[in-house]
Amino acid sequence: DNAGADRKPLNLVRNEADNDATLYIYDVIDAWWGVAAAQVAPVVAALDPAITLHVRVNSPGGDVFEGRAIRTALKQFKGKTIGHIDGLAASAATTIVDACDEIEIAEGGFYMIHNGWPYTWGNKHEMRKTADLLEKIDGAIVADYAKRTGLDVAQLVKWMDNETWFSASESVE
């Protein structure tokens, strides 16, 4: 019954008095089972740039390309964006929150980065192609993290290689 129910993992709440809006991304980032770029992009594009958009995230991540498309929608928004990590921003969810102009993390919140990984099948040639694609994906993610933080790429790669979880205070640091 739950699988067949209408899911609404994406919610936009407007506060006209404060001239802001809050977008809740409290689910997996996925076109089929969670929050999809096709949901987020038109909602963000329709907002008045005079509005401050708060993006509240509690997500284990999901599809890297959906996350990148949501990131693009947020980057293209002309208004101010503030990302709030309410519980967890992991994997593809970090790509989304990092698109915001400012980021806040709740006490007890977590931020996790790792190398991309797919569901894949095929022969050895397909596996090699997939590995090559993953290197490109990881390179794009590392470039985003480096640009955002100013940290050394080698350190970021090491953290991604080790699937690193940062507490709230470590994330801020």
Foldseek 3Di string as FASTA:
>chain_A
DVVPDDDDQWDKADDVVVQAIEIEQAEEEDPPPGNFLVVQLVVLVPRDQSYEYEYEYDYQYYDQVRLQSLLVSLLPRNHAYEYEDEAEQEESSCSNRLSGPYYAYDQNHKYKAAQDDDDDDDDPVRVVVVVVVSVVSRVVVLVSVCVSPVDDSVVVNVRRHVTHMAGRVRVVD
